[in-house]
Amino acid sequence: MDNISSSLVEIYTDGACKGNPGPGGWGVLLVCQGKEKELSGGEVQTTNNRMELTAVIEALKALNRSCRVALYTDSQYVQKGIQEWVKVWVRNGWKTASRQPVKNVDLWQVLHQEAGRHEIAWHWVKGHAGHPGNERADRLANRGIPTGTS
C-alpha cells in the first residue's frame, strides 16, 4: 500500500432500523481536509447489524484511492467483528469458532475486502452520547430509512 494518500479521512458511520428486522437506513459522514460529504441509503426489510455494516462498506467504497482512515462507529458488532473475529472467520472458511456459518457473511466479506485497501484506525464511540460526528451519522441513517413502510 505504498500509494496511500497522506491526508487523513475521518469517517463516522451509523445504522438504524425501525423494528429489527424492519425498514432500515445507514448514514455516513466523511471529513477530509475541511471538506465534508454525507451519504445515506436504506432497505425496506433488513436488520440493524446489516445497516451498521452497510454504512462502513459504503463509506470505504466512496474513497477513490487508498487512504489513511480514522473510522468511528457506535457498533461494537462492527468494531469487534473487523478487528477481532474476521481473522478467525477467514481462517475457518467463514465459519464461527463453533463452526456455524457467519451471520451477514455477504457483507463481512465485502467489508473485509474494502478494509484491506486502506490503513484504518477503528474507533468505537458511545451512541447517542452527543458525539457530533456520530450524531450526524445517526440523523443520516434515520433519513435513509424508506418511508411508507410499516
Protein backbone atom coordinates (compact mmCIF):
# COMPACT_ATOMS: atom_id res chain seq x y z
CA MET A 1 0.00 0.00 0.00
CA ASP A 2 2.71 2.45 -0.98
CA ASN A 3 0.16 4.71 -2.70
CA ILE A 4 -1.81 5.57 0.43
CA SER A 5 -2.95 9.18 0.45
CA SER A 6 -1.17 11.22 3.11
CA SER A 7 -4.40 13.01 4.04
CA LEU A 8 -6.37 11.54 6.91
CA VAL A 9 -10.04 10.82 6.19
CA GLU A 10 -12.33 10.81 9.21
CA ILE A 11 -15.41 8.64 8.76
CA TYR A 12 -18.45 8.47 11.02
CA THR A 13 -20.96 5.69 10.35
CA ASP A 14 -24.27 4.56 11.77
CA GLY A 15 -27.15 2.23 11.03
CA ALA A 16 -30.77 2.43 12.12
CA CYS A 17 -33.77 0.14 11.96
CA LYS A 18 -37.48 0.59 12.70
CA GLY A 19 -38.07 -2.86 14.10
CA ASN A 20 -35.35 -5.47 13.92
CA PRO A 21 -35.90 -6.78 11.31
CA GLY A 22 -37.76 -3.97 9.59
CA PRO A 23 -37.09 -0.97 7.38
CA GLY A 24 -33.58 0.34 7.95
CA GLY A 25 -31.16 3.03 6.96
CA TRP A 26 -27.46 3.77 7.02
CA GLY A 27 -25.58 7.04 7.22
CA VAL A 28 -22.01 8.20 6.64
CA LEU A 29 -20.13 11.43 7.25
CA LEU A 30 -16.72 11.70 5.55
CA VAL A 31 -14.37 14.55 6.52
CA CYS A 32 -11.06 15.28 4.77
CA GLN A 33 -9.06 18.50 4.69
CA GLY A 34 -12.01 20.54 5.90
CA LYS A 35 -14.39 19.16 3.28
CA GLU A 36 -17.40 17.05 4.20
CA LYS A 37 -19.52 14.55 2.30
CA GLU A 38 -22.70 12.89 3.52
CA LEU A 39 -24.05 9.56 2.26
CA SER A 40 -27.19 7.65 3.21
CA GLY A 41 -29.46 4.92 1.99
CA GLY A 42 -31.73 2.19 3.21
CA GLU A 43 -33.59 -1.05 2.68
CA VAL A 44 -37.25 -1.95 3.14
CA GLN A 45 -36.52 -5.16 5.10
CA THR A 46 -33.24 -5.51 6.98
CA THR A 47 -31.60 -5.61 10.42
CA ASN A 48 -29.71 -3.04 12.44
CA ASN A 49 -26.47 -5.04 12.13
CA ARG A 50 -26.77 -5.14 8.35
CA MET A 51 -27.26 -1.37 8.24
CA GLU A 52 -24.23 -0.80 10.51
CA LEU A 53 -22.11 -2.95 8.17
CA THR A 54 -23.52 -1.33 5.04
CA ALA A 55 -22.66 2.14 6.36
CA VAL A 56 -18.99 1.20 6.77
CA ILE A 57 -18.87 -0.57 3.39
CA GLU A 58 -20.42 2.40 1.56
CA ALA A 59 -18.04 4.80 3.31
CA LEU A 60 -14.97 2.82 2.26
CA LYS A 61 -16.29 2.33 -1.28
CA ALA A 62 -16.66 6.12 -1.57
CA LEU A 63 -12.88 6.52 -1.24
CA ASN A 64 -11.44 6.50 -4.76
CA ARG A 65 -7.90 5.62 -3.64
CA SER A 66 -6.17 4.01 -0.68
CA CYS A 67 -6.35 6.31 2.32
CA ARG A 68 -5.38 6.69 5.94
CA VAL A 69 -8.71 6.48 7.75
CA ALA A 70 -9.95 7.15 11.26
CA LEU A 71 -13.28 5.32 11.31
CA TYR A 72 -15.80 5.91 14.10
CA THR A 73 -18.71 3.55 14.74
CA ASP A 74 -21.09 3.10 17.65
CA SER A 75 -21.46 -0.58 16.72
CA GLN A 76 -19.38 -2.96 18.80
CA TYR A 77 -20.55 -5.67 16.39
CA VAL A 78 -18.73 -3.91 13.53
CA GLN A 79 -15.71 -2.81 15.55
CA LYS A 80 -15.05 -6.17 17.22
CA GLY A 81 -16.00 -8.10 14.10
CA ILE A 82 -13.49 -6.37 11.85
CA GLN A 83 -10.69 -6.13 14.43
CA GLU A 84 -11.03 -9.49 16.16
CA TRP A 85 -13.48 -12.00 14.73
CA VAL A 86 -12.85 -11.70 10.98
CA LYS A 87 -9.35 -13.20 11.23
CA VAL A 88 -10.82 -16.35 12.78
CA TRP A 89 -13.69 -16.45 10.29
CA VAL A 90 -11.35 -16.24 7.31
CA ARG A 91 -9.11 -18.96 8.76
CA ASN A 92 -12.21 -21.14 9.40
CA GLY A 93 -13.67 -20.66 5.91
CA TRP A 94 -16.20 -18.04 7.10
CA LYS A 95 -17.43 -20.18 9.97
CA THR A 96 -17.52 -19.10 13.61
CA ALA A 97 -15.34 -20.71 16.28
CA SER A 98 -18.29 -23.06 16.92
CA ARG A 99 -18.27 -23.99 13.19
CA GLN A 100 -21.54 -22.19 12.46
CA PRO A 101 -21.92 -20.02 9.33
CA VAL A 102 -21.07 -16.36 9.98
CA LYS A 103 -24.19 -14.18 10.06
CA ASN A 104 -24.21 -11.47 7.39
CA VAL A 105 -21.28 -13.19 5.67
CA ASP A 106 -22.05 -11.45 2.38
CA LEU A 107 -21.43 -8.06 3.99
CA TRP A 108 -18.49 -9.18 6.14
CA GLN A 109 -16.69 -10.48 3.05
CA VAL A 110 -17.16 -7.15 1.24
CA LEU A 111 -16.09 -5.18 4.33
CA HIS A 112 -13.00 -7.36 4.77
CA GLN A 113 -12.02 -6.69 1.15
CA GLU A 114 -12.74 -2.94 1.29
CA ALA A 115 -10.90 -2.52 4.61
CA GLY A 116 -7.84 -4.19 3.09
CA ARG A 117 -7.49 -1.28 0.63
CA HIS A 118 -6.92 1.27 3.40
CA GLU A 119 -4.90 1.95 6.54
CA ILE A 120 -7.70 2.14 9.10
CA ALA A 121 -7.72 3.06 12.78
CA TRP A 122 -11.03 1.73 14.13
CA HIS A 123 -12.71 3.66 16.94
CA TRP A 124 -15.81 2.77 18.93
CA VAL A 125 -17.87 5.70 20.25
CA LYS A 126 -20.87 5.51 22.54
CA GLY A 127 -24.01 6.10 20.50
CA HIS A 128 -26.46 8.90 21.35
CA ALA A 129 -23.91 10.46 23.70
CA GLY A 130 -23.51 13.81 21.96
CA HIS A 131 -20.51 13.00 19.74
CA PRO A 132 -21.07 15.43 16.81
CA GLY A 133 -19.90 13.11 14.01
CA ASN A 134 -21.84 10.16 15.39
CA GLU A 135 -24.98 12.26 15.86
CA ARG A 136 -24.81 13.41 12.22
CA ALA A 137 -24.33 9.83 11.01
CA ASP A 138 -27.33 8.81 13.12
CA ARG A 139 -29.51 11.53 11.54
CA LEU A 140 -28.39 10.42 8.07
CA ALA A 141 -29.16 6.77 8.88
CA ASN A 142 -32.65 7.67 10.05
CA ARG A 143 -33.16 9.81 6.95
CA GLY A 144 -32.19 6.77 4.84
CA ILE A 145 -34.99 4.58 6.22
CA PRO A 146 -37.53 4.07 3.42
CA THR A 147 -40.76 5.95 4.10
CA GLY A 148 -44.19 4.49 3.73
CA THR A 149 -43.12 1.16 5.25
CA SER A 150 -44.70 -0.40 8.28
